[in-house]
Amino acid sequence: MPTVPPVFTGPAPASRNETLRQTAEKLETAFLSEMLKAAGLGKAREAFGGGVGEEQFASFLRDEQAKAMVKAGGIGLAENIVAALEKRTGYAE
């Protein structure tokens, strides 16, 4: 009898806590990306700028810089989210 492959075939997270941490880091990355946007990072220069192309790809630069910031320790948002959710759910490893 043929077996049905699982729907999700990517690497499984190590634990529930790891999944929570990954999700919290994604949220912190999105937050930092928006803060970088509000700060004007990637805003086209008036003279000798990259034009429409620069404007289109500025979000990719902000996202990658936000990811690097989170990887380097971030601003502690992910840690606070994980701690609050662990406390709320009563789950901690």
Protein backbone atom coordinates (compact mmCIF):
# COMPACT_ATOMS: atom_id res chain seq x y z
CA MET A 1 0.00 0.00 0.00
CA PRO A 2 1.51 3.38 -0.99
CA THR A 3 2.23 5.81 1.80
CA VAL A 4 1.16 9.42 1.69
CA PRO A 5 4.06 11.84 2.17
CA PRO A 6 3.70 14.39 4.95
CA VAL A 7 2.40 17.82 3.98
CA PHE A 8 5.39 19.65 5.46
CA THR A 9 8.72 18.15 4.46
CA GLY A 10 11.07 20.86 5.76
CA PRO A 11 13.29 20.43 8.79
CA ALA A 12 11.27 20.07 11.97
CA PRO A 13 11.96 22.56 14.77
CA ALA A 14 13.76 21.05 17.74
CA SER A 15 10.95 21.82 20.16
CA ARG A 16 7.92 23.93 20.85
CA ASN A 17 10.18 26.49 22.52
CA GLU A 18 12.38 26.68 19.41
CA THR A 19 9.32 27.27 17.21
CA LEU A 20 8.21 30.04 19.55
CA ARG A 21 11.67 31.62 19.47
CA GLN A 22 11.85 31.50 15.66
CA THR A 23 8.44 33.14 15.36
CA ALA A 24 9.37 35.83 17.89
CA GLU A 25 12.57 36.57 15.96
CA LYS A 26 10.58 36.92 12.73
CA LEU A 27 8.31 39.41 14.47
CA GLU A 28 11.31 41.36 15.77
CA THR A 29 12.80 41.35 12.26
CA ALA A 30 9.58 42.78 10.79
CA PHE A 31 9.44 45.41 13.54
CA LEU A 32 13.05 46.48 12.99
CA SER A 33 12.53 46.60 9.23
CA GLU A 34 9.62 48.99 9.70
CA MET A 35 11.64 51.12 12.12
CA LEU A 36 14.50 51.32 9.60
CA LYS A 37 11.98 52.39 6.97
CA ALA A 38 10.60 55.09 9.28
CA ALA A 39 14.16 56.26 9.94
CA GLY A 40 14.63 56.80 6.20
CA LEU A 41 16.98 53.91 5.42
CA GLY A 42 16.73 53.11 1.75
CA LYS A 43 15.05 56.40 0.88
CA ALA A 44 16.06 57.51 -2.60
CA ARG A 45 18.53 60.35 -2.77
CA GLU A 46 17.50 63.47 -4.62
CA ALA A 47 20.61 63.75 -6.78
CA PHE A 48 22.30 60.83 -8.50
CA GLY A 49 19.96 58.33 -6.88
CA GLY A 50 19.09 54.91 -8.24
CA GLY A 51 15.65 55.96 -9.39
CA VAL A 52 12.72 53.60 -9.43
CA GLY A 53 14.94 50.52 -9.16
CA GLU A 54 16.47 51.75 -5.95
CA GLU A 55 13.03 52.41 -4.50
CA GLN A 56 11.81 48.95 -5.49
CA PHE A 57 14.70 47.08 -3.86
CA ALA A 58 15.16 49.24 -0.75
CA SER A 59 12.81 46.98 1.22
CA PHE A 60 15.06 43.97 0.55
CA LEU A 61 18.04 45.86 1.97
CA ARG A 62 16.07 46.88 5.06
CA ASP A 63 14.84 43.32 5.61
CA GLU A 64 18.36 41.87 5.38
CA GLN A 65 19.75 44.51 7.71
CA ALA A 66 16.96 43.82 10.20
CA LYS A 67 17.74 40.07 10.01
CA ALA A 68 21.40 40.80 10.70
CA MET A 69 20.44 42.96 13.67
CA VAL A 70 18.28 40.19 15.16
CA LYS A 71 21.01 37.61 14.54
CA ALA A 72 23.45 39.87 16.43
CA GLY A 73 21.12 40.07 19.42
CA GLY A 74 18.48 42.54 18.30
CA ILE A 75 16.81 44.90 20.72
CA GLY A 76 15.43 42.23 23.04
CA LEU A 77 11.93 42.19 21.62
CA ALA A 78 12.04 38.49 20.71
CA GLU A 79 13.30 37.57 24.18
CA ASN A 80 10.48 39.52 25.83
CA ILE A 81 7.87 37.93 23.57
CA VAL A 82 9.14 34.42 24.31
CA ALA A 83 9.26 35.08 28.07
CA ALA A 84 5.75 36.56 28.10
CA LEU A 85 4.24 33.71 26.09
CA GLU A 86 5.99 31.05 28.17
CA LYS A 87 4.67 32.69 31.32
CA ARG A 88 1.18 33.01 29.90
CA THR A 89 0.96 29.44 28.66
CA GLY A 90 2.83 27.95 31.62
CA TYR A 91 5.18 26.18 29.24
CA ALA A 92 8.92 26.37 29.68
CA GLU A 93 11.62 23.84 28.93
